[in-house]
Amino acid sequence: MKYVSIIAVTVATTLLLSACGVRAQATPTINALDVQNTAIAVAFTMIAQTQAAVPTATPLPPTPTPIETALPTNTAPSLPLTLEATSTPVPASNSNVDPCQTRILSSSPKGRSTVIRIANTTKVKVTVSLYLNETASHGECGWRTYILAKNSDVVITDLIQGCYNLWAWSDDPKGRFNVSSGTSCINNTDKWTFLISTSTIKFTF
């Protein structure tokens, strides 16, 4: 390198001068080792200054990174945190079931009174169910049950005018049967009679 050549020349010159010297003049003797060290130091100083003068590479500025811009979105209106729901209880009911079907007809129903006689004309004991359909005036309705011995009857004086259905049956081994009257309406205070046989229930007055 160029800097090494300079050092070499400087060192060689210094050594030559120190070896030969000028004998004619009486000058103080210079230590050759000191001159050598000084030359080396000067040489390294020059190298350092030269390297410092060399321009350094400037890094390129960073390339700007494109930033994605979010597209506008439709923002839904805020809803209340709590939605209050109200409900009205609906009473449980079954319109297909007649409430009178399980009601016992009272011993003093409201309405215009009448008298009903039920007669068992068979030779066995019978069970009779008498059913009053709901009346329009007082809403009376319900069941009553009677047990009649063979060839016996019962007269009922605490009934009211209205439409009745009767069923009669017997489990007697001598004559099992099951009969009904259909619907029979009573509209006055006269005595009305239901005659029970093994084949039918006859309604008379």
Protein backbone atom coordinates (compact mmCIF):
# COMPACT_ATOMS: atom_id res chain seq x y z
CA MET A 1 0.00 0.00 0.00
CA LYS A 2 0.97 3.63 -0.43
CA TYR A 3 0.94 4.26 3.32
CA VAL A 4 3.35 1.36 3.99
CA SER A 5 5.84 2.80 1.42
CA ILE A 6 5.79 6.15 3.16
CA ILE A 7 6.51 4.50 6.47
CA ALA A 8 9.33 2.48 4.99
CA VAL A 9 10.99 5.53 3.41
CA THR A 10 10.67 7.54 6.58
CA VAL A 11 12.16 4.80 8.72
CA ALA A 12 15.02 4.20 6.27
CA THR A 13 15.90 7.90 6.13
CA THR A 14 15.90 8.16 9.86
CA LEU A 15 18.18 5.18 10.27
CA LEU A 16 20.56 6.45 7.65
CA LEU A 17 20.88 9.82 9.23
CA SER A 18 21.38 8.39 12.60
CA ALA A 19 24.06 6.03 11.36
CA CYS A 20 26.07 8.47 9.40
CA GLY A 21 25.39 11.76 11.05
CA VAL A 22 27.48 14.87 10.42
CA ARG A 23 30.74 14.39 12.14
CA ALA A 24 31.89 17.89 11.64
CA GLN A 25 29.33 19.34 13.97
CA ALA A 26 29.22 18.46 17.59
CA THR A 27 25.44 17.89 18.03
CA PRO A 28 23.76 15.97 20.77
CA THR A 29 23.37 12.33 19.99
CA ILE A 30 19.76 11.24 19.22
CA ASN A 31 18.66 7.83 20.32
CA ALA A 32 17.92 5.77 17.25
CA LEU A 33 15.22 3.87 19.04
CA ASP A 34 13.35 7.05 19.86
CA VAL A 35 13.50 8.19 16.26
CA GLN A 36 12.20 4.85 15.10
CA ASN A 37 9.29 4.95 17.52
CA THR A 38 8.45 8.50 16.51
CA ALA A 39 8.43 7.65 12.83
CA ILE A 40 6.16 4.72 13.42
CA ALA A 41 3.79 6.82 15.47
CA VAL A 42 3.66 9.52 12.81
CA ALA A 43 2.99 6.93 10.14
CA PHE A 44 0.03 5.43 12.06
CA THR A 45 -1.30 8.91 12.73
CA MET A 46 -1.33 9.68 9.03
CA ILE A 47 -3.11 6.43 8.28
CA ALA A 48 -5.73 7.17 10.85
CA GLN A 49 -6.30 10.67 9.51
CA THR A 50 -6.56 9.39 5.95
CA GLN A 51 -9.11 6.76 6.90
CA ALA A 52 -11.10 9.36 8.77
CA ALA A 53 -11.21 11.55 5.67
CA VAL A 54 -12.77 8.81 3.55
CA PRO A 55 -16.51 9.44 3.27
CA THR A 56 -18.64 6.77 4.85
CA ALA A 57 -21.46 5.12 3.01
CA THR A 58 -24.72 6.66 4.00
CA PRO A 59 -27.50 4.07 4.34
CA LEU A 60 -30.46 4.62 2.15
CA PRO A 61 -33.54 5.86 3.90
CA PRO A 62 -36.03 3.12 4.64
CA THR A 63 -38.63 2.56 2.02
CA PRO A 64 -41.95 3.78 3.33
CA THR A 65 -44.28 0.89 3.97
CA PRO A 66 -47.74 1.47 2.55
CA ILE A 67 -50.43 1.45 5.19
CA GLU A 68 -53.72 -0.09 4.27
CA THR A 69 -56.59 2.20 5.03
CA ALA A 70 -59.64 0.40 6.30
CA LEU A 71 -62.71 0.97 4.22
CA PRO A 72 -65.62 2.63 5.98
CA THR A 73 -68.16 0.20 7.35
CA ASN A 74 -71.82 0.64 8.11
CA THR A 75 -72.16 0.95 11.85
CA ALA A 76 -75.39 -0.46 13.22
CA PRO A 77 -77.20 1.77 15.70
CA SER A 78 -76.54 0.76 19.27
CA LEU A 79 -79.26 -1.26 20.93
CA PRO A 80 -80.19 -1.15 24.58
CA LEU A 81 -78.27 -3.65 26.65
CA THR A 82 -81.40 -5.15 28.14
CA LEU A 83 -84.55 -5.93 26.23
CA GLU A 84 -87.53 -6.14 28.52
CA ALA A 85 -90.09 -8.70 27.47
CA THR A 86 -93.51 -8.83 28.99
CA SER A 87 -96.08 -11.55 28.65
CA THR A 88 -99.63 -11.87 29.77
CA PRO A 89 -100.42 -15.25 31.27
CA VAL A 90 -103.18 -17.05 29.46
CA PRO A 91 -105.43 -19.16 31.63
CA ALA A 92 -105.23 -22.82 30.79
CA SER A 93 -108.44 -24.02 29.32
CA ASN A 94 -109.74 -26.66 27.00
CA SER A 95 -112.80 -25.47 25.13
CA ASN A 96 -113.56 -29.05 24.04
CA VAL A 97 -114.18 -30.27 27.59
CA ASP A 98 -117.59 -29.68 29.15
CA PRO A 99 -117.04 -28.56 32.78
CA CYS A 100 -120.38 -30.12 33.68
CA GLN A 101 -119.08 -33.61 32.94
CA THR A 102 -117.36 -33.88 36.31
CA ARG A 103 -119.73 -31.70 38.34
CA ILE A 104 -122.10 -33.11 40.93
CA LEU A 105 -125.58 -31.62 40.60
CA SER A 106 -126.36 -29.85 43.84
CA SER A 107 -129.27 -30.78 46.09
CA SER A 108 -130.80 -27.32 45.63
CA PRO A 109 -130.18 -26.22 42.04
CA LYS A 110 -131.37 -22.80 40.89
CA GLY A 111 -134.22 -22.70 38.42
CA ARG A 112 -137.87 -23.58 38.02
CA SER A 113 -138.62 -26.76 39.91
CA THR A 114 -140.00 -30.00 38.56
CA VAL A 115 -140.48 -33.63 39.64
CA ILE A 116 -138.86 -36.65 37.98
CA ARG A 117 -139.66 -40.29 38.61
CA ILE A 118 -137.30 -43.10 37.60
CA ALA A 119 -138.74 -46.62 37.50
CA ASN A 120 -136.81 -49.90 37.16
CA THR A 121 -139.07 -52.41 35.37
CA THR A 122 -136.42 -55.13 35.16
CA LYS A 123 -135.86 -58.09 37.46
CA VAL A 124 -132.30 -57.06 38.44
CA LYS A 125 -130.72 -54.23 40.35
CA VAL A 126 -129.70 -51.27 38.16
CA THR A 127 -127.47 -48.24 38.50
CA VAL A 128 -128.83 -45.02 37.02
CA SER A 129 -126.90 -41.84 36.13
CA LEU A 130 -129.01 -38.74 35.62
CA TYR A 131 -127.33 -35.81 33.90
CA LEU A 132 -128.69 -32.25 33.68
CA ASN A 133 -127.37 -30.32 30.70
CA GLU A 134 -126.35 -26.75 31.50
CA THR A 135 -129.39 -24.49 31.82
CA ALA A 136 -129.47 -21.14 30.06
CA SER A 137 -130.94 -19.16 32.97
CA HIS A 138 -128.71 -20.19 35.91
CA GLY A 139 -125.98 -22.30 34.41
CA GLU A 140 -126.88 -25.32 36.54
CA CYS A 141 -125.55 -28.68 35.40
CA GLY A 142 -124.06 -31.93 36.64
CA TRP A 143 -124.63 -35.54 37.61
CA ARG A 144 -126.54 -37.62 40.12
CA THR A 145 -126.46 -41.39 40.58
CA TYR A 146 -129.15 -43.71 41.95
CA ILE A 147 -129.28 -47.47 42.61
CA LEU A 148 -132.64 -49.10 42.12
CA ALA A 149 -133.60 -52.57 43.17
CA LYS A 150 -135.62 -54.75 40.80
CA ASN A 151 -139.13 -53.50 40.12
CA SER A 152 -138.59 -50.33 42.16
CA ASP A 153 -138.64 -46.60 41.51
CA VAL A 154 -137.52 -43.27 42.96
CA VAL A 155 -139.30 -39.91 42.86
CA ILE A 156 -136.97 -36.87 42.85
CA THR A 157 -138.53 -33.58 43.94
CA ASP A 158 -135.48 -31.29 44.14
CA LEU A 159 -134.78 -31.06 40.40
CA ILE A 160 -135.33 -28.17 37.99
CA GLN A 161 -136.68 -27.85 34.51
CA GLY A 162 -134.14 -28.52 31.81
CA CYS A 163 -132.80 -31.16 29.45
CA TYR A 164 -131.72 -34.51 30.94
CA ASN A 165 -129.88 -37.61 29.83
CA LEU A 166 -130.16 -40.93 31.62
CA TRP A 167 -127.98 -44.08 31.51
CA ALA A 168 -128.85 -47.32 33.23
CA TRP A 169 -126.86 -50.58 33.44
CA SER A 170 -126.67 -53.81 35.35
CA ASP A 171 -123.85 -56.30 35.97
CA ASP A 172 -126.13 -58.92 37.42
CA PRO A 173 -125.34 -62.35 35.88
CA LYS A 174 -129.07 -62.91 35.45
CA GLY A 175 -129.36 -60.01 33.02
CA ARG A 176 -126.52 -57.66 32.05
CA PHE A 177 -127.50 -54.63 29.98
CA ASN A 178 -126.65 -51.02 29.30
CA VAL A 179 -129.21 -48.52 27.99
CA SER A 180 -129.62 -44.76 27.59
CA SER A 181 -132.46 -42.29 27.10
CA GLY A 182 -131.00 -39.71 24.79
CA THR A 183 -131.81 -36.09 25.62
CA SER A 184 -135.23 -35.34 27.11
CA CYS A 185 -136.28 -31.79 27.97
CA ILE A 186 -138.68 -30.92 30.78
CA ASN A 187 -140.44 -27.57 30.65
CA ASN A 188 -143.13 -27.68 33.36
CA THR A 189 -143.79 -28.74 36.94
CA ASP A 190 -145.54 -31.99 36.11
CA LYS A 191 -144.15 -35.35 37.16
CA TRP A 192 -141.99 -36.78 34.40
CA THR A 193 -141.19 -40.48 34.32
CA PHE A 194 -138.31 -42.50 32.95
CA LEU A 195 -139.09 -46.20 32.57
CA ILE A 196 -136.03 -48.48 32.47
CA SER A 197 -136.12 -51.81 30.64
CA THR A 198 -133.34 -54.10 29.45
CA SER A 199 -133.54 -52.59 25.98
CA THR A 200 -134.41 -48.91 26.43
CA ILE A 201 -135.31 -46.00 28.69
CA LYS A 202 -138.74 -44.63 27.86
CA PHE A 203 -139.58 -41.03 28.71
CA THR A 204 -143.21 -40.25 29.62
CA PHE A 205 -145.28 -37.78 31.67
